[in-house]
Amino acid sequence: MKYLCLIYENEAAYGSISKEDMDKMMSEYFAFTNDIKAAGQYVGGEALQPTQSATTVRVRGGKVQTTDGPFAETKEQLGGYYLVEARDLNEAIQIASRIPGARMGSVEVRPVIDFSAGA
């Protein structure tokens, strides 16, 4: 079953991280990604640009409305994701717990609906 691991962190905190600590964290991300690829659990994943680059889109009365930034102001922002293959939720949680961002922020784990299964 596929699970989406949404990585939430406080973007503002990155301004106070030293280059050495940032390099170390990125090395941990690369190692984690390589590990889940080797285990056959990696389906996809990417980091996201900061929230100030976001645009929120709504359609009301047939008209497209856009606003700069994310939908809601929060303490933690969506910074990236992994799409993983896991036997069950427990295995997905174990995978998510190894994502380096889980130590500074949080990782939301959600099962993906496979609409093609019924087709």
N, C-alpha and C. Protein backbone atom coordinates (compact mmCIF):
# COMPACT_ATOMS: atom_id res chain seq x y z
N MET A 1 0.85 -1.18 0.00
CA MET A 1 0.00 0.00 0.00
C MET A 1 0.89 1.24 0.00
N LYS A 2 0.43 2.28 -0.67
CA LYS A 2 1.19 3.52 -0.72
C LYS A 2 0.75 4.46 0.40
N TYR A 3 1.74 5.16 0.96
CA TYR A 3 1.51 6.15 2.01
C TYR A 3 2.27 7.42 1.64
N LEU A 4 1.63 8.56 1.88
CA LEU A 4 2.27 9.84 1.67
C LEU A 4 2.76 10.35 3.01
N CYS A 5 4.03 10.66 3.08
CA CYS A 5 4.64 11.21 4.30
C CYS A 5 4.90 12.69 4.05
N LEU A 6 4.09 13.53 4.68
CA LEU A 6 4.17 14.98 4.51
C LEU A 6 5.05 15.56 5.61
N ILE A 7 6.11 16.24 5.23
CA ILE A 7 7.11 16.73 6.18
C ILE A 7 6.82 18.20 6.50
N TYR A 8 6.54 18.47 7.77
CA TYR A 8 6.25 19.84 8.24
C TYR A 8 7.38 20.30 9.15
N GLU A 9 7.90 21.49 8.85
CA GLU A 9 8.96 22.08 9.67
C GLU A 9 8.75 23.58 9.75
N ASN A 10 9.38 24.20 10.71
CA ASN A 10 9.31 25.65 10.85
C ASN A 10 10.36 26.26 9.93
N GLU A 11 9.91 26.87 8.84
CA GLU A 11 10.84 27.47 7.87
C GLU A 11 11.74 28.52 8.52
N ALA A 12 11.20 29.29 9.45
CA ALA A 12 11.97 30.36 10.09
C ALA A 12 13.18 29.80 10.83
N ALA A 13 13.10 28.58 11.33
CA ALA A 13 14.20 27.99 12.08
C ALA A 13 15.43 27.75 11.20
N TYR A 14 15.22 27.60 9.90
CA TYR A 14 16.35 27.35 9.01
C TYR A 14 17.29 28.54 8.94
N GLY A 15 16.80 29.74 9.24
CA GLY A 15 17.66 30.91 9.23
C GLY A 15 18.72 30.90 10.31
N SER A 16 18.51 30.10 11.37
CA SER A 16 19.45 30.06 12.48
C SER A 16 20.33 28.81 12.46
N ILE A 17 20.20 27.98 11.43
CA ILE A 17 21.00 26.75 11.34
C ILE A 17 22.31 27.06 10.61
N SER A 18 23.42 26.60 11.18
CA SER A 18 24.72 26.82 10.55
C SER A 18 24.83 26.01 9.27
N LYS A 19 25.74 26.42 8.40
CA LYS A 19 25.95 25.70 7.14
C LYS A 19 26.36 24.27 7.42
N GLU A 20 27.18 24.06 8.43
CA GLU A 20 27.63 22.72 8.77
C GLU A 20 26.46 21.83 9.20
N ASP A 21 25.58 22.39 10.03
CA ASP A 21 24.41 21.61 10.48
C ASP A 21 23.45 21.34 9.32
N MET A 22 23.30 22.33 8.42
CA MET A 22 22.43 22.13 7.26
C MET A 22 23.01 21.05 6.34
N ASP A 23 24.32 21.09 6.13
CA ASP A 23 24.97 20.07 5.30
C ASP A 23 24.81 18.68 5.92
N LYS A 24 24.94 18.61 7.24
CA LYS A 24 24.76 17.33 7.93
C LYS A 24 23.34 16.80 7.76
N MET A 25 22.35 17.69 7.92
CA MET A 25 20.97 17.27 7.78
C MET A 25 20.68 16.82 6.34
N MET A 26 21.20 17.54 5.35
CA MET A 26 20.98 17.15 3.96
C MET A 26 21.63 15.79 3.68
N SER A 27 22.80 15.54 4.27
CA SER A 27 23.44 14.23 4.11
C SER A 27 22.57 13.13 4.71
N GLU A 28 21.92 13.43 5.84
CA GLU A 28 21.01 12.46 6.45
C GLU A 28 19.80 12.20 5.54
N TYR A 29 19.28 13.25 4.91
CA TYR A 29 18.16 13.08 3.97
C TYR A 29 18.59 12.20 2.79
N PHE A 30 19.77 12.48 2.22
CA PHE A 30 20.24 11.68 1.09
C PHE A 30 20.44 10.22 1.49
N ALA A 31 20.98 9.99 2.68
CA ALA A 31 21.19 8.61 3.16
C ALA A 31 19.85 7.91 3.37
N PHE A 32 18.89 8.62 3.97
CA PHE A 32 17.56 8.04 4.18
C PHE A 32 16.93 7.67 2.85
N THR A 33 16.99 8.59 1.88
CA THR A 33 16.42 8.33 0.56
C THR A 33 17.07 7.12 -0.08
N ASN A 34 18.39 7.03 -0.01
CA ASN A 34 19.09 5.88 -0.58
C ASN A 34 18.67 4.58 0.11
N ASP A 35 18.48 4.62 1.43
CA ASP A 35 18.07 3.43 2.19
C ASP A 35 16.69 2.93 1.76
N ILE A 36 15.72 3.85 1.63
CA ILE A 36 14.38 3.39 1.26
C ILE A 36 14.31 3.00 -0.21
N LYS A 37 15.17 3.58 -1.04
CA LYS A 37 15.25 3.13 -2.43
C LYS A 37 15.78 1.70 -2.48
N ALA A 38 16.83 1.45 -1.72
CA ALA A 38 17.43 0.10 -1.70
C ALA A 38 16.46 -0.94 -1.15
N ALA A 39 15.58 -0.52 -0.23
CA ALA A 39 14.61 -1.43 0.37
C ALA A 39 13.35 -1.60 -0.50
N GLY A 40 13.28 -0.88 -1.61
CA GLY A 40 12.11 -0.97 -2.48
C GLY A 40 10.89 -0.24 -1.93
N GLN A 41 11.09 0.68 -0.98
CA GLN A 41 9.97 1.40 -0.36
C GLN A 41 9.74 2.78 -0.97
N TYR A 42 10.70 3.26 -1.72
CA TYR A 42 10.62 4.61 -2.29
C TYR A 42 9.76 4.59 -3.56
N VAL A 43 8.75 5.45 -3.61
CA VAL A 43 7.95 5.63 -4.81
C VAL A 43 8.28 7.00 -5.41
N GLY A 44 8.44 8.01 -4.56
CA GLY A 44 8.78 9.35 -5.01
C GLY A 44 8.95 10.29 -3.85
N GLY A 45 9.40 11.49 -4.13
CA GLY A 45 9.54 12.48 -3.08
C GLY A 45 10.30 13.69 -3.58
N GLU A 46 10.03 14.81 -2.98
CA GLU A 46 10.69 16.07 -3.35
C GLU A 46 10.62 17.04 -2.19
N ALA A 47 11.55 17.97 -2.18
CA ALA A 47 11.47 19.12 -1.28
C ALA A 47 10.67 20.19 -2.00
N LEU A 48 10.04 21.08 -1.25
CA LEU A 48 9.25 22.16 -1.82
C LEU A 48 9.94 23.50 -1.60
N GLN A 49 9.70 24.43 -2.50
CA GLN A 49 10.20 25.79 -2.33
C GLN A 49 9.51 26.39 -1.09
N PRO A 50 10.07 27.44 -0.49
CA PRO A 50 9.46 28.05 0.70
C PRO A 50 8.04 28.54 0.44
N THR A 51 7.28 28.70 1.52
CA THR A 51 5.87 29.05 1.40
C THR A 51 5.64 30.39 0.70
N GLN A 52 6.60 31.31 0.76
CA GLN A 52 6.38 32.58 0.08
C GLN A 52 6.28 32.41 -1.44
N SER A 53 6.69 31.27 -1.97
CA SER A 53 6.57 31.01 -3.40
C SER A 53 5.23 30.37 -3.76
N ALA A 54 4.42 30.04 -2.75
CA ALA A 54 3.14 29.36 -2.98
C ALA A 54 2.06 30.31 -3.49
N THR A 55 1.13 29.74 -4.23
CA THR A 55 -0.07 30.45 -4.66
C THR A 55 -1.25 29.55 -4.35
N THR A 56 -2.25 30.09 -3.68
CA THR A 56 -3.46 29.34 -3.37
C THR A 56 -4.52 29.69 -4.41
N VAL A 57 -5.17 28.66 -4.96
CA VAL A 57 -6.17 28.83 -6.02
C VAL A 57 -7.53 28.38 -5.50
N ARG A 58 -8.54 29.21 -5.75
CA ARG A 58 -9.92 28.87 -5.43
C ARG A 58 -10.77 29.21 -6.65
N VAL A 59 -11.86 28.48 -6.85
CA VAL A 59 -12.82 28.82 -7.89
C VAL A 59 -14.15 29.06 -7.19
N ARG A 60 -14.67 30.27 -7.34
CA ARG A 60 -15.93 30.66 -6.71
C ARG A 60 -16.82 31.28 -7.79
N GLY A 61 -18.01 30.75 -7.93
CA GLY A 61 -18.93 31.28 -8.94
C GLY A 61 -18.36 31.20 -10.34
N GLY A 62 -17.54 30.18 -10.59
CA GLY A 62 -16.93 30.01 -11.90
C GLY A 62 -15.74 30.90 -12.18
N LYS A 63 -15.32 31.69 -11.19
CA LYS A 63 -14.18 32.59 -11.37
C LYS A 63 -12.98 32.11 -10.55
N VAL A 64 -11.83 32.14 -11.18
CA VAL A 64 -10.58 31.73 -10.53
C VAL A 64 -10.07 32.88 -9.67
N GLN A 65 -9.78 32.56 -8.41
CA GLN A 65 -9.21 33.53 -7.48
C GLN A 65 -7.87 32.98 -7.01
N THR A 66 -6.85 33.82 -6.98
CA THR A 66 -5.55 33.41 -6.48
C THR A 66 -5.10 34.34 -5.36
N THR A 67 -4.40 33.79 -4.40
CA THR A 67 -3.78 34.59 -3.35
C THR A 67 -2.36 34.09 -3.17
N ASP A 68 -1.48 35.01 -2.83
CA ASP A 68 -0.09 34.63 -2.58
C ASP A 68 0.00 33.87 -1.27
N GLY A 69 0.87 32.88 -1.25
CA GLY A 69 1.15 32.16 -0.02
C GLY A 69 0.26 30.95 0.18
N PRO A 70 0.49 30.28 1.28
CA PRO A 70 -0.26 29.06 1.59
C PRO A 70 -1.69 29.37 2.04
N PHE A 71 -2.49 28.33 2.11
CA PHE A 71 -3.89 28.45 2.49
C PHE A 71 -4.05 29.00 3.91
N ALA A 72 -3.20 28.55 4.83
CA ALA A 72 -3.34 28.95 6.24
C ALA A 72 -1.98 29.26 6.85
N GLU A 73 -1.97 30.17 7.79
CA GLU A 73 -0.76 30.46 8.57
C GLU A 73 -0.63 29.42 9.67
N THR A 74 0.52 28.78 9.75
CA THR A 74 0.75 27.76 10.76
C THR A 74 2.16 27.89 11.33
N LYS A 75 2.42 27.23 12.45
CA LYS A 75 3.76 27.25 13.04
C LYS A 75 4.73 26.43 12.21
N GLU A 76 4.22 25.36 11.59
CA GLU A 76 5.05 24.51 10.74
C GLU A 76 4.49 24.55 9.32
N GLN A 77 5.39 24.51 8.35
CA GLN A 77 4.99 24.59 6.96
C GLN A 77 5.36 23.29 6.25
N LEU A 78 4.58 22.96 5.23
CA LEU A 78 4.87 21.79 4.42
C LEU A 78 6.13 22.06 3.62
N GLY A 79 7.16 21.25 3.86
CA GLY A 79 8.45 21.49 3.23
C GLY A 79 8.84 20.44 2.22
N GLY A 80 8.14 19.31 2.23
CA GLY A 80 8.46 18.25 1.28
C GLY A 80 7.66 17.01 1.59
N TYR A 81 7.91 15.97 0.81
CA TYR A 81 7.15 14.74 0.98
C TYR A 81 7.92 13.54 0.45
N TYR A 82 7.54 12.39 0.94
CA TYR A 82 7.95 11.11 0.38
C TYR A 82 6.69 10.31 0.13
N LEU A 83 6.62 9.65 -1.01
CA LEU A 83 5.59 8.68 -1.29
C LEU A 83 6.27 7.33 -1.16
N VAL A 84 5.79 6.51 -0.22
CA VAL A 84 6.46 5.24 0.08
C VAL A 84 5.50 4.07 -0.08
N GLU A 85 6.08 2.92 -0.26
CA GLU A 85 5.34 1.66 -0.29
C GLU A 85 5.60 0.96 1.03
N ALA A 86 4.53 0.57 1.73
CA ALA A 86 4.66 -0.11 3.02
C ALA A 86 3.57 -1.17 3.13
N ARG A 87 3.86 -2.20 3.93
CA ARG A 87 2.88 -3.28 4.14
C ARG A 87 1.61 -2.78 4.80
N ASP A 88 1.79 -1.86 5.77
CA ASP A 88 0.67 -1.36 6.55
C ASP A 88 1.06 -0.04 7.21
N LEU A 89 0.13 0.53 7.97
CA LEU A 89 0.38 1.81 8.61
C LEU A 89 1.56 1.74 9.57
N ASN A 90 1.70 0.65 10.29
CA ASN A 90 2.82 0.54 11.24
C ASN A 90 4.16 0.63 10.53
N GLU A 91 4.29 -0.03 9.39
CA GLU A 91 5.55 0.06 8.64
C GLU A 91 5.73 1.47 8.10
N ALA A 92 4.67 2.10 7.63
CA ALA A 92 4.76 3.48 7.13
C ALA A 92 5.21 4.43 8.24
N ILE A 93 4.71 4.23 9.44
CA ILE A 93 5.12 5.05 10.59
C ILE A 93 6.60 4.84 10.89
N GLN A 94 7.05 3.61 10.81
CA GLN A 94 8.47 3.32 11.03
C GLN A 94 9.34 4.03 10.00
N ILE A 95 8.91 4.00 8.75
CA ILE A 95 9.64 4.71 7.69
C ILE A 95 9.65 6.20 7.99
N ALA A 96 8.48 6.77 8.28
CA ALA A 96 8.36 8.21 8.55
C ALA A 96 9.21 8.64 9.75
N SER A 97 9.33 7.79 10.73
CA SER A 97 10.11 8.15 11.93
C SER A 97 11.59 8.30 11.63
N ARG A 98 12.04 7.77 10.50
CA ARG A 98 13.45 7.88 10.11
C ARG A 98 13.72 9.11 9.25
N ILE A 99 12.67 9.83 8.85
CA ILE A 99 12.87 11.05 8.06
C ILE A 99 13.50 12.10 8.97
N PRO A 100 14.65 12.67 8.57
CA PRO A 100 15.34 13.62 9.46
C PRO A 100 14.46 14.77 9.95
N GLY A 101 13.53 15.26 9.14
CA GLY A 101 12.67 16.37 9.55
C GLY A 101 11.75 16.04 10.71
N ALA A 102 11.55 14.77 11.00
CA ALA A 102 10.69 14.38 12.13
C ALA A 102 11.30 14.82 13.46
N ARG A 103 12.61 15.04 13.49
CA ARG A 103 13.27 15.47 14.74
C ARG A 103 13.04 16.94 15.04
N MET A 104 12.85 17.76 14.00
CA MET A 104 12.66 19.20 14.20
C MET A 104 11.20 19.62 14.03
N GLY A 105 10.45 18.85 13.27
CA GLY A 105 9.06 19.19 12.99
C GLY A 105 8.19 17.96 13.17
N SER A 106 7.38 17.68 12.16
CA SER A 106 6.51 16.51 12.23
C SER A 106 6.35 15.93 10.83
N VAL A 107 5.93 14.68 10.79
CA VAL A 107 5.65 14.00 9.53
C VAL A 107 4.25 13.41 9.63
N GLU A 108 3.38 13.87 8.76
CA GLU A 108 2.03 13.34 8.69
C GLU A 108 2.02 12.17 7.72
N VAL A 109 1.48 11.03 8.14
CA VAL A 109 1.42 9.83 7.31
C VAL A 109 -0.03 9.59 6.92
N ARG A 110 -0.28 9.51 5.61
CA ARG A 110 -1.64 9.30 5.12
C ARG A 110 -1.64 8.23 4.05
N PRO A 111 -2.57 7.27 4.17
CA PRO A 111 -2.69 6.26 3.11
C PRO A 111 -3.22 6.90 1.84
N VAL A 112 -2.74 6.41 0.71
CA VAL A 112 -3.16 6.90 -0.61
C VAL A 112 -4.26 6.00 -1.12
N ILE A 113 -5.32 6.59 -1.63
CA ILE A 113 -6.42 5.81 -2.22
C ILE A 113 -6.02 5.40 -3.63
N ASP A 114 -6.13 4.13 -3.92
CA ASP A 114 -5.81 3.61 -5.26
C ASP A 114 -7.12 3.44 -6.03
N PHE A 115 -7.49 4.46 -6.81
CA PHE A 115 -8.73 4.41 -7.57
C PHE A 115 -8.66 3.39 -8.70
N SER A 116 -7.46 3.05 -9.15
CA SER A 116 -7.34 2.10 -10.24
C SER A 116 -7.66 0.68 -9.79
N ALA A 117 -7.67 0.42 -8.50
CA ALA A 117 -7.95 -0.93 -7.99
C ALA A 117 -9.37 -1.37 -8.32
N GLY A 118 -10.29 -0.42 -8.41
CA GLY A 118 -11.69 -0.75 -8.69
C GLY A 118 -12.03 -0.71 -10.18
N ALA A 119 -11.08 -0.25 -10.96
CA ALA A 119 -11.35 -0.09 -12.41
C ALA A 119 -11.11 -1.36 -13.19
